[in-house]
Amino acid sequence: MVYGKVAMIPIEFEHKTLRTTLQLNMTLSEAQTDCIQQLNALDEWRKMDVQQRKLIQNQTAKRHDKYIKEKKFQARDWALLYDSRYKDTMGKLQTRWLGPYEIEEVLKNGAICLTTIDPV
């Protein structure tokens, strides 16, 4: 049951189960069926928990994606390239952008072919 191995129940637990069944005025078969029902209920609780977790993750992703604006690039547009080498250590007034570049072609997979623009 746990990590692919069968659980071993010591005799002490069986005696405690017998003791509790006698205290609750139940027969041994009734106690066993009650135990099986509790295990089935635990499985149902786990399934409900997984569904709830997926629902919350989807809601969080939807809320996050709401603020993302998708930019469609076209050929002959101008663009700047973000220089990520200096994202952590950079002066306050220095730029993090390279360029300008001209978009030569936009491929189907979203990749963009750039050409440099020579400043005159």
PDB file of N, CA and C in Angstrom:
ATOM      1  N   MET A   1       0.826  -1.192   0.000  1.00  0.00           N
ATOM      2  CA  MET A   1       0.000   0.000   0.000  1.00  0.00           C
ATOM      3  C   MET A   1       0.870   1.255   0.000  1.00  0.00           C
ATOM      4  N   VAL A   2       1.914   1.236   0.777  1.00  0.00           N
ATOM      5  CA  VAL A   2       2.765   2.414   0.888  1.00  0.00           C
ATOM      6  C   VAL A   2       4.004   2.186   0.039  1.00  0.00           C
ATOM      7  N   TYR A   3       4.223   3.055  -0.951  1.00  0.00           N
ATOM      8  CA  TYR A   3       5.369   2.987  -1.845  1.00  0.00           C
ATOM      9  C   TYR A   3       5.474   1.626  -2.534  1.00  0.00           C
ATOM     10  N   GLY A   4       4.346   1.044  -2.879  1.00  0.00           N
ATOM     11  CA  GLY A   4       4.335  -0.201  -3.626  1.00  0.00           C
ATOM     12  C   GLY A   4       4.573  -1.441  -2.787  1.00  0.00           C
ATOM     13  N   LYS A   5       4.607  -1.310  -1.470  1.00  0.00           N
ATOM     14  CA  LYS A   5       4.821  -2.475  -0.602  1.00  0.00           C
ATOM     15  C   LYS A   5       3.547  -2.757   0.184  1.00  0.00           C
ATOM     16  N   VAL A   6       3.363  -3.993   0.544  1.00  0.00           N
ATOM     17  CA  VAL A   6       2.198  -4.393   1.319  1.00  0.00           C
ATOM     18  C   VAL A   6       2.424  -4.011   2.775  1.00  0.00           C
ATOM     19  N   ALA A   7       1.415  -3.428   3.407  1.00  0.00           N
ATOM     20  CA  ALA A   7       1.529  -3.014   4.801  1.00  0.00           C
ATOM     21  C   ALA A   7       1.454  -4.245   5.708  1.00  0.00           C
ATOM     22  N   MET A   8       2.308  -4.301   6.703  1.00  0.00           N
ATOM     23  CA  MET A   8       2.314  -5.398   7.676  1.00  0.00           C
ATOM     24  C   MET A   8       1.650  -4.897   8.952  1.00  0.00           C
ATOM     25  N   ILE A   9       0.591  -5.551   9.379  1.00  0.00           N
ATOM     26  CA  ILE A   9      -0.117  -5.144  10.593  1.00  0.00           C
ATOM     27  C   ILE A   9       0.346  -6.033  11.740  1.00  0.00           C
ATOM     28  N   PRO A  10       0.971  -5.449  12.757  1.00  0.00           N
ATOM     29  CA  PRO A  10       1.384  -6.257  13.918  1.00  0.00           C
ATOM     30  C   PRO A  10       0.170  -6.796  14.677  1.00  0.00           C
ATOM     31  N   ILE A  11       0.408  -7.801  15.464  1.00  0.00           N
ATOM     32  CA  ILE A  11      -0.672  -8.447  16.225  1.00  0.00           C
ATOM     33  C   ILE A  11      -1.290  -7.482  17.221  1.00  0.00           C
ATOM     34  N   GLU A  12      -0.491  -6.534  17.746  1.00  0.00           N
ATOM     35  CA  GLU A  12      -1.017  -5.580  18.726  1.00  0.00           C
ATOM     36  C   GLU A  12      -2.190  -4.810  18.135  1.00  0.00           C
ATOM     37  N   PHE A  13      -2.061  -4.392  16.880  1.00  0.00           N
ATOM     38  CA  PHE A  13      -3.128  -3.626  16.268  1.00  0.00           C
ATOM     39  C   PHE A  13      -4.374  -4.483  16.090  1.00  0.00           C
ATOM     40  N   GLU A  14      -4.197  -5.749  15.780  1.00  0.00           N
ATOM     41  CA  GLU A  14      -5.358  -6.620  15.640  1.00  0.00           C
ATOM     42  C   GLU A  14      -6.080  -6.773  16.970  1.00  0.00           C
ATOM     43  N   HIS A  15      -5.328  -6.903  18.062  1.00  0.00           N
ATOM     44  CA  HIS A  15      -5.956  -7.014  19.382  1.00  0.00           C
ATOM     45  C   HIS A  15      -6.678  -5.727  19.739  1.00  0.00           C
ATOM     46  N   LYS A  16      -6.081  -4.576  19.395  1.00  0.00           N
ATOM     47  CA  LYS A  16      -6.753  -3.315  19.672  1.00  0.00           C
ATOM     48  C   LYS A  16      -8.034  -3.222  18.865  1.00  0.00           C
ATOM     49  N   THR A  17      -8.006  -3.722  17.644  1.00  0.00           N
ATOM     50  CA  THR A  17      -9.208  -3.711  16.826  1.00  0.00           C
ATOM     51  C   THR A  17     -10.280  -4.592  17.453  1.00  0.00           C
ATOM     52  N   LEU A  18      -9.886  -5.753  17.938  1.00  0.00           N
ATOM     53  CA  LEU A  18     -10.851  -6.626  18.605  1.00  0.00           C
ATOM     54  C   LEU A  18     -11.408  -5.958  19.862  1.00  0.00           C
ATOM     55  N   ARG A  19     -10.528  -5.286  20.602  1.00  0.00           N
ATOM     56  CA  ARG A  19     -10.964  -4.609  21.816  1.00  0.00           C
ATOM     57  C   ARG A  19     -11.959  -3.492  21.499  1.00  0.00           C
ATOM     58  N   THR A  20     -11.651  -2.722  20.470  1.00  0.00           N
ATOM     59  CA  THR A  20     -12.553  -1.621  20.121  1.00  0.00           C
ATOM     60  C   THR A  20     -13.879  -2.140  19.565  1.00  0.00           C
ATOM     61  N   THR A  21     -13.855  -3.233  18.828  1.00  0.00           N
ATOM     62  CA  THR A  21     -15.117  -3.783  18.327  1.00  0.00           C
ATOM     63  C   THR A  21     -15.990  -4.269  19.473  1.00  0.00           C
ATOM     64  N   LEU A  22     -15.372  -4.825  20.484  1.00  0.00           N
ATOM     65  CA  LEU A  22     -16.152  -5.267  21.648  1.00  0.00           C
ATOM     66  C   LEU A  22     -16.723  -4.073  22.400  1.00  0.00           C
ATOM     67  N   GLN A  23     -15.950  -2.991  22.481  1.00  0.00           N
ATOM     68  CA  GLN A  23     -16.438  -1.798  23.182  1.00  0.00           C
ATOM     69  C   GLN A  23     -17.588  -1.136  22.412  1.00  0.00           C
ATOM     70  N   LEU A  24     -17.552  -1.208  21.088  1.00  0.00           N
ATOM     71  CA  LEU A  24     -18.601  -0.596  20.274  1.00  0.00           C
ATOM     72  C   LEU A  24     -19.756  -1.548  19.990  1.00  0.00           C
ATOM     73  N   ASN A  25     -19.708  -2.727  20.561  1.00  0.00           N
ATOM     74  CA  ASN A  25     -20.742  -3.756  20.355  1.00  0.00           C
ATOM     75  C   ASN A  25     -20.915  -4.105  18.872  1.00  0.00           C
ATOM     76  N   MET A  26     -19.774  -4.311  18.194  1.00  0.00           N
ATOM     77  CA  MET A  26     -19.785  -4.690  16.785  1.00  0.00           C
ATOM     78  C   MET A  26     -19.153  -6.069  16.649  1.00  0.00           C
ATOM     79  N   THR A  27     -19.540  -6.770  15.600  1.00  0.00           N
ATOM     80  CA  THR A  27     -18.872  -8.034  15.319  1.00  0.00           C
ATOM     81  C   THR A  27     -17.606  -7.739  14.528  1.00  0.00           C
ATOM     82  N   LEU A  28     -16.756  -8.738  14.407  1.00  0.00           N
ATOM     83  CA  LEU A  28     -15.490  -8.542  13.701  1.00  0.00           C
ATOM     84  C   LEU A  28     -15.729  -8.245  12.209  1.00  0.00           C
ATOM     85  N   SER A  29     -16.697  -8.908  11.610  1.00  0.00           N
ATOM     86  CA  SER A  29     -16.981  -8.655  10.187  1.00  0.00           C
ATOM     87  C   SER A  29     -17.519  -7.245   9.976  1.00  0.00           C
ATOM     88  N   GLU A  30     -18.337  -6.749  10.897  1.00  0.00           N
ATOM     89  CA  GLU A  30     -18.837  -5.378  10.794  1.00  0.00           C
ATOM     90  C   GLU A  30     -17.691  -4.378  10.918  1.00  0.00           C
ATOM     91  N   ALA A  31     -16.755  -4.644  11.804  1.00  0.00           N
ATOM     92  CA  ALA A  31     -15.601  -3.757  11.980  1.00  0.00           C
ATOM     93  C   ALA A  31     -14.727  -3.749  10.722  1.00  0.00           C
ATOM     94  N   GLN A  32     -14.572  -4.926  10.110  1.00  0.00           N
ATOM     95  CA  GLN A  32     -13.778  -4.989   8.886  1.00  0.00           C
ATOM     96  C   GLN A  32     -14.451  -4.223   7.750  1.00  0.00           C
ATOM     97  N   THR A  33     -15.763  -4.381   7.592  1.00  0.00           N
ATOM     98  CA  THR A  33     -16.463  -3.631   6.536  1.00  0.00           C
ATOM     99  C   THR A  33     -16.415  -2.133   6.814  1.00  0.00           C
ATOM    100  N   ASP A  34     -16.495  -1.755   8.086  1.00  0.00           N
ATOM    101  CA  ASP A  34     -16.401  -0.340   8.443  1.00  0.00           C
ATOM    102  C   ASP A  34     -15.014   0.207   8.096  1.00  0.00           C
ATOM    103  N   CYS A  35     -13.998  -0.578   8.348  1.00  0.00           N
ATOM    104  CA  CYS A  35     -12.628  -0.168   8.022  1.00  0.00           C
ATOM    105  C   CYS A  35     -12.462  -0.016   6.515  1.00  0.00           C
ATOM    106  N   ILE A  36     -13.017  -0.929   5.746  1.00  0.00           N
ATOM    107  CA  ILE A  36     -12.932  -0.858   4.276  1.00  0.00           C
ATOM    108  C   ILE A  36     -13.678   0.372   3.763  1.00  0.00           C
ATOM    109  N   GLN A  37     -14.832   0.666   4.358  1.00  0.00           N
ATOM    110  CA  GLN A  37     -15.583   1.851   3.950  1.00  0.00           C
ATOM    111  C   GLN A  37     -14.799   3.125   4.247  1.00  0.00           C
ATOM    112  N   GLN A  38     -14.096   3.158   5.381  1.00  0.00           N
ATOM    113  CA  GLN A  38     -13.285   4.328   5.716  1.00  0.00           C
ATOM    114  C   GLN A  38     -12.124   4.484   4.733  1.00  0.00           C
ATOM    115  N   LEU A  39     -11.522   3.364   4.311  1.00  0.00           N
ATOM    116  CA  LEU A  39     -10.443   3.446   3.327  1.00  0.00           C
ATOM    117  C   LEU A  39     -10.964   3.935   1.973  1.00  0.00           C
ATOM    118  N   ASN A  40     -12.161   3.453   1.584  1.00  0.00           N
ATOM    119  CA  ASN A  40     -12.758   3.931   0.337  1.00  0.00           C
ATOM    120  C   ASN A  40     -13.082   5.414   0.416  1.00  0.00           C
ATOM    121  N   ALA A  41     -13.566   5.854   1.573  1.00  0.00           N
ATOM    122  CA  ALA A  41     -13.858   7.273   1.753  1.00  0.00           C
ATOM    123  C   ALA A  41     -12.574   8.098   1.670  1.00  0.00           C
ATOM    124  N   LEU A  42     -11.486   7.558   2.189  1.00  0.00           N
ATOM    125  CA  LEU A  42     -10.199   8.252   2.108  1.00  0.00           C
ATOM    126  C   LEU A  42      -9.760   8.409   0.663  1.00  0.00           C
ATOM    127  N   ASP A  43      -9.955   7.377  -0.154  1.00  0.00           N
ATOM    128  CA  ASP A  43      -9.628   7.477  -1.582  1.00  0.00           C
ATOM    129  C   ASP A  43     -10.473   8.544  -2.259  1.00  0.00           C
ATOM    130  N   GLU A  44     -11.750   8.611  -1.919  1.00  0.00           N
ATOM    131  CA  GLU A  44     -12.618   9.629  -2.498  1.00  0.00           C
ATOM    132  C   GLU A  44     -12.166  11.027  -2.090  1.00  0.00           C
ATOM    133  N   TRP A  45     -11.768  11.185  -0.830  1.00  0.00           N
ATOM    134  CA  TRP A  45     -11.264  12.485  -0.357  1.00  0.00           C
ATOM    135  C   TRP A  45     -10.011  12.880  -1.139  1.00  0.00           C
ATOM    136  N   ARG A  46      -9.132  11.921  -1.409  1.00  0.00           N
ATOM    137  CA  ARG A  46      -7.919  12.213  -2.177  1.00  0.00           C
ATOM    138  C   ARG A  46      -8.256  12.645  -3.593  1.00  0.00           C
ATOM    139  N   LYS A  47      -9.199  11.963  -4.236  1.00  0.00           N
ATOM    140  CA  LYS A  47      -9.605  12.338  -5.591  1.00  0.00           C
ATOM    141  C   LYS A  47     -10.208  13.738  -5.606  1.00  0.00           C
ATOM    142  N   MET A  48     -11.046  14.040  -4.613  1.00  0.00           N
ATOM    143  CA  MET A  48     -11.639  15.374  -4.532  1.00  0.00           C
ATOM    144  C   MET A  48     -10.561  16.427  -4.313  1.00  0.00           C
ATOM    145  N   ASP A  49      -9.548  16.096  -3.519  1.00  0.00           N
ATOM    146  CA  ASP A  49      -8.458  17.028  -3.269  1.00  0.00           C
ATOM    147  C   ASP A  49      -7.671  17.312  -4.545  1.00  0.00           C
ATOM    148  N   VAL A  50      -7.417  16.275  -5.333  1.00  0.00           N
ATOM    149  CA  VAL A  50      -6.697  16.463  -6.602  1.00  0.00           C
ATOM    150  C   VAL A  50      -7.513  17.343  -7.543  1.00  0.00           C
ATOM    151  N   GLN A  51      -8.815  17.114  -7.631  1.00  0.00           N
ATOM    152  CA  GLN A  51      -9.671  17.931  -8.487  1.00  0.00           C
ATOM    153  C   GLN A  51      -9.692  19.380  -8.013  1.00  0.00           C
ATOM    154  N   GLN A  52      -9.767  19.587  -6.705  1.00  0.00           N
ATOM    155  CA  GLN A  52      -9.781  20.937  -6.156  1.00  0.00           C
ATOM    156  C   GLN A  52      -8.459  21.652  -6.442  1.00  0.00           C
ATOM    157  N   ARG A  53      -7.355  20.922  -6.303  1.00  0.00           N
ATOM    158  CA  ARG A  53      -6.041  21.507  -6.569  1.00  0.00           C
ATOM    159  C   ARG A  53      -5.911  21.912  -8.037  1.00  0.00           C
ATOM    160  N   LYS A  54      -6.396  21.058  -8.953  1.00  0.00           N
ATOM    161  CA  LYS A  54      -6.355  21.392 -10.380  1.00  0.00           C
ATOM    162  C   LYS A  54      -7.212  22.616 -10.680  1.00  0.00           C
ATOM    163  N   LEU A  55      -8.373  22.702 -10.053  1.00  0.00           N
ATOM    164  CA  LEU A  55      -9.257  23.850 -10.245  1.00  0.00           C
ATOM    165  C   LEU A  55      -8.579  25.141  -9.786  1.00  0.00           C
ATOM    166  N   ILE A  56      -7.936  25.101  -8.625  1.00  0.00           N
ATOM    167  CA  ILE A  56      -7.260  26.287  -8.103  1.00  0.00           C
ATOM    168  C   ILE A  56      -6.082  26.673  -8.993  1.00  0.00           C
ATOM    169  N   GLN A  57      -5.336  25.690  -9.492  1.00  0.00           N
ATOM    170  CA  GLN A  57      -4.217  25.988 -10.387  1.00  0.00           C
ATOM    171  C   GLN A  57      -4.710  26.613 -11.687  1.00  0.00           C
ATOM    172  N   ASN A  58      -5.814  26.116 -12.219  1.00  0.00           N
ATOM    173  CA  ASN A  58      -6.367  26.697 -13.441  1.00  0.00           C
ATOM    174  C   ASN A  58      -6.841  28.126 -13.212  1.00  0.00           C
ATOM    175  N   GLN A  59      -7.481  28.377 -12.071  1.00  0.00           N
ATOM    176  CA  GLN A  59      -7.929  29.728 -11.764  1.00  0.00           C
ATOM    177  C   GLN A  59      -6.753  30.678 -11.599  1.00  0.00           C
ATOM    178  N   THR A  60      -5.690  30.216 -10.944  1.00  0.00           N
ATOM    179  CA  THR A  60      -4.501  31.049 -10.762  1.00  0.00           C
ATOM    180  C   THR A  60      -3.841  31.338 -12.107  1.00  0.00           C
ATOM    181  N   ALA A  61      -3.745  30.335 -12.960  1.00  0.00           N
ATOM    182  CA  ALA A  61      -3.144  30.534 -14.284  1.00  0.00           C
ATOM    183  C   ALA A  61      -3.983  31.503 -15.113  1.00  0.00           C
ATOM    184  N   LYS A  62      -5.295  31.371 -15.045  1.00  0.00           N
ATOM    185  CA  LYS A  62      -6.161  32.274 -15.799  1.00  0.00           C
ATOM    186  C   LYS A  62      -6.019  33.713 -15.303  1.00  0.00           C
ATOM    187  N   ARG A  63      -5.948  33.884 -13.976  1.00  0.00           N
ATOM    188  CA  ARG A  63      -5.777  35.218 -13.402  1.00  0.00           C
ATOM    189  C   ARG A  63      -4.432  35.818 -13.795  1.00  0.00           C
ATOM    190  N   HIS A  64      -3.398  34.986 -13.838  1.00  0.00           N
ATOM    191  CA  HIS A  64      -2.062  35.453 -14.223  1.00  0.00           C
ATOM    192  C   HIS A  64      -2.021  35.804 -15.706  1.00  0.00           C
ATOM    193  N   ASP A  65      -2.605  34.957 -16.543  1.00  0.00           N
ATOM    194  CA  ASP A  65      -2.563  35.167 -17.986  1.00  0.00           C
ATOM    195  C   ASP A  65      -3.423  36.344 -18.432  1.00  0.00           C
ATOM    196  N   LYS A  66      -4.328  36.788 -17.565  1.00  0.00           N
ATOM    197  CA  LYS A  66      -5.187  37.907 -17.918  1.00  0.00           C
ATOM    198  C   LYS A  66      -4.372  39.182 -18.158  1.00  0.00           C
ATOM    199  N   TYR A  67      -3.253  39.328 -17.465  1.00  0.00           N
ATOM    200  CA  TYR A  67      -2.452  40.536 -17.562  1.00  0.00           C
ATOM    201  C   TYR A  67      -1.345  40.454 -18.608  1.00  0.00           C
ATOM    202  N   ILE A  68      -1.198  39.331 -19.254  1.00  0.00           N
ATOM    203  CA  ILE A  68      -0.173  39.179 -20.283  1.00  0.00           C
ATOM    204  C   ILE A  68      -0.757  39.622 -21.623  1.00  0.00           C
ATOM    205  N   LYS A  69      -0.087  40.572 -22.230  1.00  0.00           N
ATOM    206  CA  LYS A  69      -0.535  41.071 -23.529  1.00  0.00           C
ATOM    207  C   LYS A  69       0.363  40.483 -24.604  1.00  0.00           C
ATOM    208  N   GLU A  70      -0.253  39.836 -25.557  1.00  0.00           N
ATOM    209  CA  GLU A  70       0.507  39.202 -26.625  1.00  0.00           C
ATOM    210  C   GLU A  70       0.739  40.212 -27.738  1.00  0.00           C
ATOM    211  N   LYS A  71       1.984  40.344 -28.155  1.00  0.00           N
ATOM    212  CA  LYS A  71       2.365  41.281 -29.200  1.00  0.00           C
ATOM    213  C   LYS A  71       2.568  40.509 -30.494  1.00  0.00           C
ATOM    214  N   LYS A  72       1.874  40.918 -31.526  1.00  0.00           N
ATOM    215  CA  LYS A  72       2.016  40.302 -32.844  1.00  0.00           C
ATOM    216  C   LYS A  72       3.027  41.118 -33.640  1.00  0.00           C
ATOM    217  N   PHE A  73       4.106  40.487 -34.057  1.00  0.00           N
ATOM    218  CA  PHE A  73       5.124  41.157 -34.858  1.00  0.00           C
ATOM    219  C   PHE A  73       4.868  40.889 -36.330  1.00  0.00           C
ATOM    220  N   GLN A  74       5.218  41.863 -37.135  1.00  0.00           N
ATOM    221  CA  GLN A  74       5.081  41.719 -38.577  1.00  0.00           C
ATOM    222  C   GLN A  74       6.393  42.116 -39.231  1.00  0.00           C
ATOM    223  N   ALA A  75       6.567  41.695 -40.461  1.00  0.00           N
ATOM    224  CA  ALA A  75       7.774  42.043 -41.197  1.00  0.00           C
ATOM    225  C   ALA A  75       7.838  43.559 -41.381  1.00  0.00           C
ATOM    226  N   ARG A  76       9.047  44.081 -41.415  1.00  0.00           N
ATOM    227  CA  ARG A  76       9.364  45.500 -41.600  1.00  0.00           C
ATOM    228  C   ARG A  76       9.108  46.343 -40.344  1.00  0.00           C
ATOM    229  N   ASP A  77       8.707  45.729 -39.206  1.00  0.00           N
ATOM    230  CA  ASP A  77       8.588  46.467 -37.940  1.00  0.00           C
ATOM    231  C   ASP A  77       9.974  46.636 -37.332  1.00  0.00           C
ATOM    232  N   TRP A  78      10.102  47.609 -36.462  1.00  0.00           N
ATOM    233  CA  TRP A  78      11.347  47.800 -35.727  1.00  0.00           C
ATOM    234  C   TRP A  78      11.185  47.214 -34.330  1.00  0.00           C
ATOM    235  N   ALA A  79      12.294  46.731 -33.771  1.00  0.00           N
ATOM    236  CA  ALA A  79      12.240  46.133 -32.436  1.00  0.00           C
ATOM    237  C   ALA A  79      13.555  46.367 -31.710  1.00  0.00           C
ATOM    238  N   LEU A  80      13.486  46.335 -30.382  1.00  0.00           N
ATOM    239  CA  LEU A  80      14.669  46.368 -29.535  1.00  0.00           C
ATOM    240  C   LEU A  80      14.848  44.995 -28.921  1.00  0.00           C
ATOM    241  N   LEU A  81      16.086  44.606 -28.675  1.00  0.00           N
ATOM    242  CA  LEU A  81      16.401  43.294 -28.116  1.00  0.00           C
ATOM    243  C   LEU A  81      16.841  43.479 -26.675  1.00  0.00           C
ATOM    244  N   TYR A  82      16.220  42.744 -25.755  1.00  0.00           N
ATOM    245  CA  TYR A  82      16.559  42.839 -24.338  1.00  0.00           C
ATOM    246  C   TYR A  82      17.869  42.112 -24.072  1.00  0.00           C
ATOM    247  N   ASP A  83      18.811  42.806 -23.422  1.00  0.00           N
ATOM    248  CA  ASP A  83      20.117  42.227 -23.104  1.00  0.00           C
ATOM    249  C   ASP A  83      20.068  41.684 -21.683  1.00  0.00           C
ATOM    250  N   SER A  84      19.916  40.370 -21.543  1.00  0.00           N
ATOM    251  CA  SER A  84      19.730  39.772 -20.221  1.00  0.00           C
ATOM    252  C   SER A  84      21.046  39.556 -19.474  1.00  0.00           C
ATOM    253  N   ARG A  85      22.176  39.842 -20.078  1.00  0.00           N
ATOM    254  CA  ARG A  85      23.455  39.662 -19.386  1.00  0.00           C
ATOM    255  C   ARG A  85      23.579  40.606 -18.200  1.00  0.00           C
ATOM    256  N   TYR A  86      22.985  41.768 -18.313  1.00  0.00           N
ATOM    257  CA  TYR A  86      23.139  42.789 -17.284  1.00  0.00           C
ATOM    258  C   TYR A  86      21.895  42.957 -16.426  1.00  0.00           C
ATOM    259  N   LYS A  87      21.063  41.966 -16.347  1.00  0.00           N
ATOM    260  CA  LYS A  87      19.813  42.137 -15.609  1.00  0.00           C
ATOM    261  C   LYS A  87      20.030  42.277 -14.108  1.00  0.00           C
ATOM    262  N   ASP A  88      21.110  41.680 -13.547  1.00  0.00           N
ATOM    263  CA  ASP A  88      21.343  41.767 -12.113  1.00  0.00           C
ATOM    264  C   ASP A  88      22.268  42.924 -11.743  1.00  0.00           C
ATOM    265  N   THR A  89      23.339  43.119 -12.488  1.00  0.00           N
ATOM    266  CA  THR A  89      24.291  44.170 -12.165  1.00  0.00           C
ATOM    267  C   THR A  89      24.317  45.171 -13.299  1.00  0.00           C
ATOM    268  N   MET A  90      23.646  46.256 -13.101  1.00  0.00           N
ATOM    269  CA  MET A  90      23.565  47.269 -14.138  1.00  0.00           C
ATOM    270  C   MET A  90      23.462  48.623 -13.464  1.00  0.00           C
ATOM    271  N   GLY A  91      24.058  49.612 -14.065  1.00  0.00           N
ATOM    272  CA  GLY A  91      23.948  50.952 -13.526  1.00  0.00           C
ATOM    273  C   GLY A  91      22.527  51.469 -13.641  1.00  0.00           C
ATOM    274  N   LYS A  92      22.233  52.469 -12.839  1.00  0.00           N
ATOM    275  CA  LYS A  92      20.869  52.961 -12.789  1.00  0.00           C
ATOM    276  C   LYS A  92      20.433  53.605 -14.115  1.00  0.00           C
ATOM    277  N   LEU A  93      21.336  54.283 -14.780  1.00  0.00           N
ATOM    278  CA  LEU A  93      20.965  55.009 -15.993  1.00  0.00           C
ATOM    279  C   LEU A  93      21.405  54.312 -17.271  1.00  0.00           C
ATOM    280  N   GLN A  94      21.952  53.124 -17.176  1.00  0.00           N
ATOM    281  CA  GLN A  94      22.380  52.426 -18.384  1.00  0.00           C
ATOM    282  C   GLN A  94      21.231  51.616 -18.964  1.00  0.00           C
ATOM    283  N   THR A  95      21.237  51.490 -20.271  1.00  0.00           N
ATOM    284  CA  THR A  95      20.144  50.808 -20.950  1.00  0.00           C
ATOM    285  C   THR A  95      20.372  49.293 -20.979  1.00  0.00           C
ATOM    286  N   ARG A  96      19.293  48.552 -20.987  1.00  0.00           N
ATOM    287  CA  ARG A  96      19.352  47.091 -21.076  1.00  0.00           C
ATOM    288  C   ARG A  96      18.905  46.613 -22.452  1.00  0.00           C
ATOM    289  N   TRP A  97      18.737  47.512 -23.391  1.00  0.00           N
ATOM    290  CA  TRP A  97      18.193  47.173 -24.695  1.00  0.00           C
ATOM    291  C   TRP A  97      19.258  47.336 -25.768  1.00  0.00           C
ATOM    292  N   LEU A  98      19.248  46.438 -26.726  1.00  0.00           N
ATOM    293  CA  LEU A  98      20.153  46.480 -27.869  1.00  0.00           C
ATOM    294  C   LEU A  98      19.329  46.774 -29.113  1.00  0.00           C
ATOM    295  N   GLY A  99      19.935  47.480 -30.040  1.00  0.00           N
ATOM    296  CA  GLY A  99      19.204  47.680 -31.284  1.00  0.00           C
ATOM    297  C   GLY A  99      19.294  49.110 -31.745  1.00  0.00           C
ATOM    298  N   PRO A 100      18.506  49.513 -32.625  1.00  0.00           N
ATOM    299  CA  PRO A 100      17.272  48.921 -33.134  1.00  0.00           C
ATOM    300  C   PRO A 100      17.526  47.858 -34.201  1.00  0.00           C
ATOM    301  N   TYR A 101      16.593  46.965 -34.329  1.00  0.00           N
ATOM    302  CA  TYR A 101      16.622  45.918 -35.341  1.00  0.00           C
ATOM    303  C   TYR A 101      15.351  46.002 -36.173  1.00  0.00           C
ATOM    304  N   GLU A 102      15.455  45.521 -37.391  1.00  0.00           N
ATOM    305  CA  GLU A 102      14.276  45.441 -38.256  1.00  0.00           C
ATOM    306  C   GLU A 102      13.876  43.969 -38.366  1.00  0.00           C
ATOM    307  N   ILE A 103      12.590  43.716 -38.238  1.00  0.00           N
ATOM    308  CA  ILE A 103      12.085  42.350 -38.338  1.00  0.00           C
ATOM    309  C   ILE A 103      12.022  41.984 -39.814  1.00  0.00           C
ATOM    310  N   GLU A 104      12.799  40.987 -40.175  1.00  0.00           N
ATOM    311  CA  GLU A 104      12.878  40.569 -41.575  1.00  0.00           C
ATOM    312  C   GLU A 104      11.768  39.581 -41.916  1.00  0.00           C
ATOM    313  N   GLU A 105      11.543  38.630 -40.994  1.00  0.00           N
ATOM    314  CA  GLU A 105      10.556  37.581 -41.260  1.00  0.00           C
ATOM    315  C   GLU A 105      10.059  37.021 -39.931  1.00  0.00           C
ATOM    316  N   VAL A 106       8.780  36.703 -39.860  1.00  0.00           N
ATOM    317  CA  VAL A 106       8.189  36.041 -38.698  1.00  0.00           C
ATOM    318  C   VAL A 106       7.835  34.625 -39.126  1.00  0.00           C
ATOM    319  N   LEU A 107       8.435  33.646 -38.462  1.00  0.00           N
ATOM    320  CA  LEU A 107       8.209  32.247 -38.827  1.00  0.00           C
ATOM    321  C   LEU A 107       6.941  31.714 -38.162  1.00  0.00           C
ATOM    322  N   LYS A 108       6.487  30.548 -38.620  1.00  0.00           N
ATOM    323  CA  LYS A 108       5.244  29.969 -38.105  1.00  0.00           C
ATOM    324  C   LYS A 108       5.329  29.590 -36.626  1.00  0.00           C
ATOM    325  N   ASN A 109       6.519  29.181 -36.169  1.00  0.00           N
ATOM    326  CA  ASN A 109       6.662  28.755 -34.776  1.00  0.00           C
ATOM    327  C   ASN A 109       6.858  29.921 -33.819  1.00  0.00           C
ATOM    328  N   GLY A 110       6.828  31.155 -34.327  1.00  0.00           N
ATOM    329  CA  GLY A 110       6.957  32.332 -33.476  1.00  0.00           C
ATOM    330  C   GLY A 110       8.346  32.925 -33.462  1.00  0.00           C
ATOM    331  N   ALA A 111       9.309  32.275 -34.103  1.00  0.00           N
ATOM    332  CA  ALA A 111      10.669  32.809 -34.168  1.00  0.00           C
ATOM    333  C   ALA A 111      10.701  34.006 -35.115  1.00  0.00           C
ATOM    334  N   ILE A 112      11.622  34.904 -34.839  1.00  0.00           N
ATOM    335  CA  ILE A 112      11.707  36.143 -35.609  1.00  0.00           C
ATOM    336  C   ILE A 112      13.119  36.284 -36.157  1.00  0.00           C
ATOM    337  N   CYS A 113      13.256  36.594 -37.446  1.00  0.00           N
ATOM    338  CA  CYS A 113      14.543  36.862 -38.075  1.00  0.00           C
ATOM    339  C   CYS A 113      14.777  38.364 -38.051  1.00  0.00           C
ATOM    340  N   LEU A 114      15.900  38.793 -37.479  1.00  0.00           N
ATOM    341  CA  LEU A 114      16.192  40.211 -37.319  1.00  0.00           C
ATOM    342  C   LEU A 114      17.367  40.614 -38.199  1.00  0.00           C
ATOM    343  N   THR A 115      17.366  41.858 -38.641  1.00  0.00           N
ATOM    344  CA  THR A 115      18.519  42.449 -39.321  1.00  0.00           C
ATOM    345  C   THR A 115      18.831  43.764 -38.620  1.00  0.00           C
ATOM    346  N   THR A 116      20.095  44.084 -38.547  1.00  0.00           N
ATOM    347  CA  THR A 116      20.488  45.340 -37.887  1.00  0.00           C
ATOM    348  C   THR A 116      20.187  46.522 -38.783  1.00  0.00           C
ATOM    349  N   ILE A 117      19.884  47.616 -38.152  1.00  0.00           N
ATOM    350  CA  ILE A 117      19.626  48.856 -38.867  1.00  0.00           C
ATOM    351  C   ILE A 117      20.846  49.733 -38.653  1.00  0.00           C
ATOM    352  N   ASP A 118      21.484  50.141 -39.717  1.00  0.00           N
ATOM    353  CA  ASP A 118      22.663  50.997 -39.615  1.00  0.00           C
ATOM    354  C   ASP A 118      22.227  52.441 -39.390  1.00  0.00           C
ATOM    355  N   PRO A 119      22.650  53.012 -38.238  1.00  0.00           N
ATOM    356  CA  PRO A 119      22.274  54.418 -38.000  1.00  0.00           C
ATOM    357  C   PRO A 119      23.022  55.330 -38.975  1.00  0.00           C
ATOM    358  N   VAL A 120      22.357  56.289 -39.516  1.00  0.00           N
ATOM    359  CA  VAL A 120      22.936  57.187 -40.513  1.00  0.00           C
ATOM    360  C   VAL A 120      23.397  58.466 -39.858  1.00  0.00           C
TER     361      VAL A 120
END
